[in-house]
Protein backbone atom coordinates (compact mmCIF):
# COMPACT_ATOMS: atom_id res chain seq x y z
CA MET A 1 0.00 0.00 0.00
CA LEU A 2 2.81 2.41 0.92
CA ILE A 3 4.63 1.69 -2.36
CA LEU A 4 1.42 2.33 -4.31
CA MET A 5 0.89 5.66 -2.52
CA LYS A 6 4.46 6.72 -3.29
CA ARG A 7 3.95 5.87 -6.96
CA MET A 8 0.69 7.86 -7.04
CA ILE A 9 2.36 10.89 -5.42
CA LYS A 10 5.27 10.74 -7.87
CA LYS A 11 2.85 10.44 -10.80
CA LYS A 12 0.88 13.44 -9.50
CA LEU A 13 4.06 15.52 -9.25
CA LEU A 14 5.12 14.58 -12.76
CA ASN A 15 1.66 15.42 -14.09
CA GLU A 16 1.80 18.82 -12.38
CA VAL A 17 5.18 19.47 -13.96
CA ASP A 18 3.94 18.40 -17.40
CA MET A 19 1.07 20.90 -17.23
CA GLY A 20 3.31 23.91 -16.53
CA LEU A 21 4.10 27.12 -18.39
CA PHE A 22 7.29 25.68 -19.84
CA THR A 23 6.31 22.20 -20.97
CA GLY A 24 8.75 21.18 -23.71
CA LYS A 25 11.08 24.10 -22.93
CA VAL A 26 14.72 24.07 -21.83
CA ALA A 27 16.18 26.72 -19.52
CA ILE A 28 19.62 27.52 -18.13
CA VAL A 29 19.96 29.26 -14.77
CA THR A 30 23.34 30.63 -13.70
CA GLY A 31 23.98 31.20 -10.02
CA ALA A 32 21.68 28.21 -9.46
CA ALA A 33 23.36 27.02 -6.26
CA GLY A 34 21.30 29.24 -3.99
CA GLY A 35 19.14 32.30 -3.50
CA ILE A 36 17.21 33.71 -6.45
CA GLY A 37 18.89 31.28 -8.85
CA ARG A 38 17.89 28.19 -6.90
CA GLU A 39 14.31 29.32 -6.42
CA SER A 40 13.99 30.24 -10.10
CA ALA A 41 15.47 26.93 -11.25
CA ILE A 42 13.03 25.02 -9.06
CA GLN A 43 10.09 27.03 -10.36
CA PHE A 44 11.19 26.54 -13.98
CA ALA A 45 11.24 22.79 -13.35
CA GLN A 46 7.92 22.83 -11.51
CA ASN A 47 6.44 24.53 -14.56
CA GLY A 48 7.66 21.86 -16.95
CA ALA A 49 11.09 23.05 -18.11
CA LYS A 50 14.19 20.91 -18.21
CA VAL A 51 16.89 22.96 -16.52
CA GLY A 52 20.63 23.39 -16.90
CA LEU A 53 21.99 24.41 -13.50
CA ALA A 54 25.21 26.44 -13.61
CA ASP A 55 27.39 27.64 -10.73
CA ILE A 56 30.84 27.21 -9.20
CA ASN A 57 29.36 25.84 -5.96
CA GLU A 58 29.15 22.08 -6.47
CA ALA A 59 27.39 21.33 -3.19
CA GLY A 60 24.84 24.06 -3.81
CA LEU A 61 24.15 22.75 -7.30
CA ALA A 62 23.62 19.26 -5.91
CA GLU A 63 21.06 20.57 -3.43
CA THR A 64 19.18 22.46 -6.14
CA ALA A 65 19.18 19.38 -8.38
CA LYS A 66 17.91 17.28 -5.48
CA ARG A 67 14.98 19.61 -4.86
CA ILE A 68 14.10 19.61 -8.56
CA ALA A 69 14.16 15.82 -8.65
CA GLU A 70 11.96 15.66 -5.56
CA ALA A 71 9.41 17.80 -7.40
CA GLY A 72 9.45 15.43 -10.36
CA GLY A 73 11.56 17.69 -12.57
CA GLU A 74 14.67 17.10 -14.63
CA SER A 75 17.97 18.98 -14.54
CA ILE A 76 21.66 18.76 -15.35
CA SER A 77 24.36 20.36 -13.18
CA ILE A 78 27.27 22.11 -14.89
CA MET A 79 30.17 23.62 -12.98
CA THR A 80 30.56 27.00 -14.67
CA ASN A 81 32.64 30.10 -14.06
CA VAL A 82 30.70 32.66 -16.08
CA ALA A 83 33.78 34.89 -16.31
CA ASP A 84 35.30 32.22 -18.58
CA SER A 85 33.81 32.43 -22.07
CA LYS A 86 34.81 28.86 -22.94
CA ALA A 87 33.07 27.60 -19.80
CA CYS A 88 29.91 29.40 -20.92
CA ASP A 89 30.13 27.78 -24.36
CA ASP A 90 30.51 24.42 -22.61
CA MET A 91 27.52 25.14 -20.36
CA VAL A 92 25.29 25.73 -23.36
CA ALA A 93 26.70 22.77 -25.29
CA LYS A 94 26.12 20.36 -22.38
CA THR A 95 22.58 21.61 -21.85
CA VAL A 96 21.73 21.23 -25.54
CA SER A 97 23.38 17.81 -25.64
CA ALA A 98 21.28 16.68 -22.67
CA PHE A 99 17.95 18.23 -23.62
CA GLY A 100 18.12 18.96 -27.35
CA LYS A 101 17.78 22.74 -27.43
CA LEU A 102 17.81 25.98 -25.43
CA ASP A 103 14.80 28.27 -25.02
CA ILE A 104 15.58 30.41 -21.97
CA ILE A 105 18.61 31.62 -20.08
CA PHE A 106 18.46 33.39 -16.73
CA ASN A 107 21.79 35.20 -16.28
CA ASN A 108 21.78 35.46 -12.51
CA ALA A 109 25.31 34.65 -11.29
CA GLY A 110 26.88 37.50 -9.35
CA ILE A 111 28.93 38.66 -6.40
CA SER A 112 28.86 41.85 -4.35
CA GLY A 113 32.59 42.34 -3.83
CA ASP A 114 34.30 44.07 -0.91
CA ARG A 115 32.97 47.39 0.39
CA ALA A 116 35.38 50.29 -0.17
CA VAL A 117 35.45 53.83 -1.52
CA ILE A 118 36.97 54.19 -4.98
CA THR A 119 40.45 55.15 -3.79
CA ASP A 120 40.55 52.03 -1.60
CA THR A 121 39.20 49.67 -4.29
CA SER A 122 41.89 47.46 -5.78
CA ASN A 123 42.16 46.68 -9.47
CA ASP A 124 41.82 43.00 -8.58
CA MET A 125 38.48 43.59 -6.84
CA TRP A 126 37.24 45.79 -9.69
CA ASP A 127 38.24 43.19 -12.29
CA LYS A 128 36.69 40.30 -10.35
CA VAL A 129 33.30 41.95 -9.86
CA ILE A 130 33.11 43.23 -13.44
CA ALA A 131 34.21 39.84 -14.79
CA ILE A 132 31.43 37.94 -13.03
CA ASN A 133 28.61 40.48 -12.88
CA LEU A 134 28.94 42.07 -16.32
CA THR A 135 31.31 40.09 -18.52
CA GLY A 136 29.64 36.93 -17.24
CA VAL A 137 26.26 38.11 -18.51
CA PHE A 138 27.85 39.00 -21.86
CA ASN A 139 29.60 35.62 -22.10
CA CYS A 140 26.48 33.61 -21.32
CA THR A 141 24.33 35.69 -23.64
CA ARG A 142 26.79 35.33 -26.50
CA SER A 143 26.99 31.57 -25.92
CA ALA A 144 23.21 31.15 -25.79
CA LEU A 145 22.23 33.32 -28.75
CA PRO A 146 23.27 30.97 -31.60
CA GLU A 147 20.99 28.23 -30.25
CA MET A 148 18.10 30.67 -29.86
CA VAL A 149 18.65 32.14 -33.33
CA LYS A 150 18.65 28.62 -34.75
CA ASN A 151 15.34 27.91 -33.00
CA GLY A 152 13.84 31.24 -34.09
CA SER A 153 12.88 32.13 -30.52
CA GLY A 154 14.27 32.60 -27.04
CA VAL A 155 14.13 34.57 -23.82
CA ILE A 156 17.04 36.09 -21.91
CA VAL A 157 16.46 37.37 -18.37
CA ASN A 158 19.34 39.23 -16.74
CA THR A 159 19.77 40.03 -13.06
CA ALA A 160 20.81 43.64 -12.61
CA SER A 161 19.99 45.52 -9.37
CA VAL A 162 18.45 48.70 -8.06
CA ASP A 163 22.12 49.68 -7.88
CA GLY A 164 22.01 49.49 -11.68
CA LEU A 165 19.53 52.37 -11.59
CA VAL A 166 21.05 54.63 -8.92
CA GLY A 167 24.38 55.05 -7.18
CA MET A 168 25.53 53.24 -4.03
CA GLY A 169 28.54 54.34 -2.02
CA THR A 170 31.45 51.94 -1.37
CA LEU A 171 30.32 49.51 -4.08
CA SER A 172 31.68 51.11 -7.25
CA PRO A 173 32.53 47.87 -9.13
CA TYR A 174 29.13 46.36 -8.35
CA VAL A 175 27.22 49.51 -9.27
CA ALA A 176 29.16 49.93 -12.51
CA ALA A 177 28.60 46.29 -13.46
CA LYS A 178 24.87 46.42 -12.78
CA HIS A 179 24.47 49.63 -14.79
CA GLY A 180 26.28 47.77 -17.55
CA VAL A 181 23.82 44.88 -17.34
CA THR A 182 20.86 47.20 -17.90
CA GLY A 183 22.57 48.65 -20.97
CA LEU A 184 23.51 45.23 -22.31
CA THR A 185 19.91 44.09 -21.83
CA LYS A 186 18.56 46.91 -23.99
CA THR A 187 21.22 46.38 -26.66
CA THR A 188 20.54 42.65 -26.82
CA ALA A 189 16.83 43.33 -27.28
CA LEU A 190 17.53 45.81 -30.09
CA GLU A 191 19.86 43.44 -31.92
CA TYR A 192 17.90 40.18 -31.63
CA SER A 193 14.18 40.97 -31.32
CA ARG A 194 13.62 40.49 -35.06
CA LYS A 195 15.04 36.99 -34.65
CA GLY A 196 12.33 36.09 -32.14
CA ILE A 197 14.41 36.67 -29.01
CA ARG A 198 13.31 38.79 -26.05
CA CYS A 199 15.70 40.20 -23.46
CA VAL A 200 14.66 41.76 -20.16
CA ALA A 201 16.30 42.58 -16.83
CA ILE A 202 15.24 42.51 -13.21
CA CYS A 203 16.55 44.97 -10.64
CA PRO A 204 16.13 43.45 -7.20
CA GLY A 205 16.41 45.65 -4.16
CA TYR A 206 17.18 44.18 -0.76
CA ILE A 207 16.67 40.42 -1.10
CA VAL A 208 17.31 38.13 1.85
CA THR A 209 19.98 35.80 0.43
CA ASP A 210 23.31 34.45 1.63
CA MET A 211 25.09 37.02 -0.58
CA THR A 212 23.28 40.01 0.89
CA ASN A 213 23.54 38.63 4.42
CA ASN A 214 27.30 38.33 3.98
CA ALA A 215 27.63 41.76 2.38
CA LEU A 216 25.53 43.80 4.82
CA ALA A 217 25.98 44.51 8.50
CA GLN A 218 22.86 44.23 10.68
CA GLU A 219 22.57 48.00 11.01
CA GLU A 220 22.53 48.24 7.21
CA VAL A 221 19.79 45.61 7.02
CA ASP A 222 17.79 47.58 9.60
CA GLY A 223 18.39 50.74 7.59
CA PHE A 224 17.16 49.14 4.37
CA ASN A 225 14.05 47.80 6.08
CA ALA A 226 13.33 51.27 7.44
CA MET A 227 13.56 52.78 3.93
CA ILE A 228 11.49 50.13 2.16
CA PRO A 229 7.77 51.03 2.18
CA LEU A 230 6.89 47.35 2.68
CA GLY A 231 9.24 47.30 5.67
CA ARG A 232 11.23 44.21 4.72
CA GLY A 233 13.44 42.59 2.14
CA ALA A 234 12.03 40.20 -0.44
CA THR A 235 12.43 36.45 -0.37
CA PRO A 236 14.16 34.73 -3.30
CA ALA A 237 10.86 33.03 -4.13
CA GLU A 238 9.15 36.41 -4.57
CA VAL A 239 11.77 37.40 -7.14
CA ALA A 240 11.59 33.99 -8.83
CA ASN A 241 7.84 34.40 -9.27
CA PHE A 242 8.49 37.44 -11.47
CA VAL A 243 11.38 35.82 -13.34
CA ILE A 244 9.12 32.91 -14.27
CA TRP A 245 6.45 35.26 -15.59
CA LEU A 246 8.95 37.33 -17.59
CA ALA A 247 10.36 34.19 -19.19
CA SER A 248 6.93 32.83 -20.09
CA ASP A 249 4.73 33.49 -23.10
CA GLN A 250 2.45 35.47 -20.79
CA ALA A 251 5.07 38.25 -20.98
CA SER A 252 5.43 38.02 -24.76
CA TYR A 253 5.44 41.83 -25.23
CA MET A 254 8.02 42.53 -22.52
CA ASN A 255 11.29 43.31 -24.27
CA GLY A 256 14.28 45.55 -23.60
CA SER A 257 12.69 46.50 -20.30
CA VAL A 258 14.21 46.82 -16.83
CA HIS A 259 12.04 45.97 -13.83
CA GLN A 260 12.44 46.99 -10.18
CA ILE A 261 11.63 44.42 -7.52
CA ASP A 262 12.30 46.58 -4.50
CA GLY A 263 9.21 46.81 -2.31
CA GLY A 264 8.92 50.48 -3.26
CA LEU A 265 12.48 51.39 -2.18
CA LEU A 266 13.20 53.73 -5.09
CA SER A 267 9.70 55.22 -5.22
CA GLY A 268 10.46 57.81 -2.57
CA MET A 269 14.16 57.18 -1.94
CA GLY A 270 13.47 56.34 1.68
CA LEU A 271 11.15 59.26 2.42
CA ILE A 272 8.69 57.25 4.50
CA THR A 273 5.93 59.22 6.22
């Protein structure tokens, strides 16, 4: 009886996956080992997509893959340093080899870097943050585009930041990179829309992830919460909900656009009454 129940539950999960927004679609998620990337990868799989999981964190990738499998989904894990263009080519090639094509890429891998004013920011730190946060998006986009052009369709979602819309002291490499991502998003849309490919960007505000927890002191977290009209940071799942919609056919007219997910943070720049 127990075995039969397990089989019925597994069948139900698989049926739920098969009826999703992305049935028959293949997606790649970079930065899939945790946070927004993990939640988005899981939601892609729950909605029927087969997912290529890319990150440099092997243990984190394994956990994401495990959760996808538990939900009845299918994924492949690919150790990928997005700053390495050949690694990005390999990421796409392995995904296509496993699943036959590529429909969606969510360029989400990123780091915050060390906090310092410009005169105290080393070239090494500048280069590292730019390489992952901006060049990484370029590399992955360039690697993915030929497959999408061949298919005659595709969606690229890039993770920028509210810091890609305004300035932020002591984070010059991060801010510069995220501004670059918003520009690259618009350029990609202009160049490839007529080939059936959409490109959009999200600009998260304060999101409660391991990266932000490591980057921000508690007083900074309290300060952000005080400035955000909703009074709190977002969960990764709340961001993933929007990523899934943007990547779906329900958002078929969204292109070249940049979207804040900030709880109202930039609406009044912290002027809460």
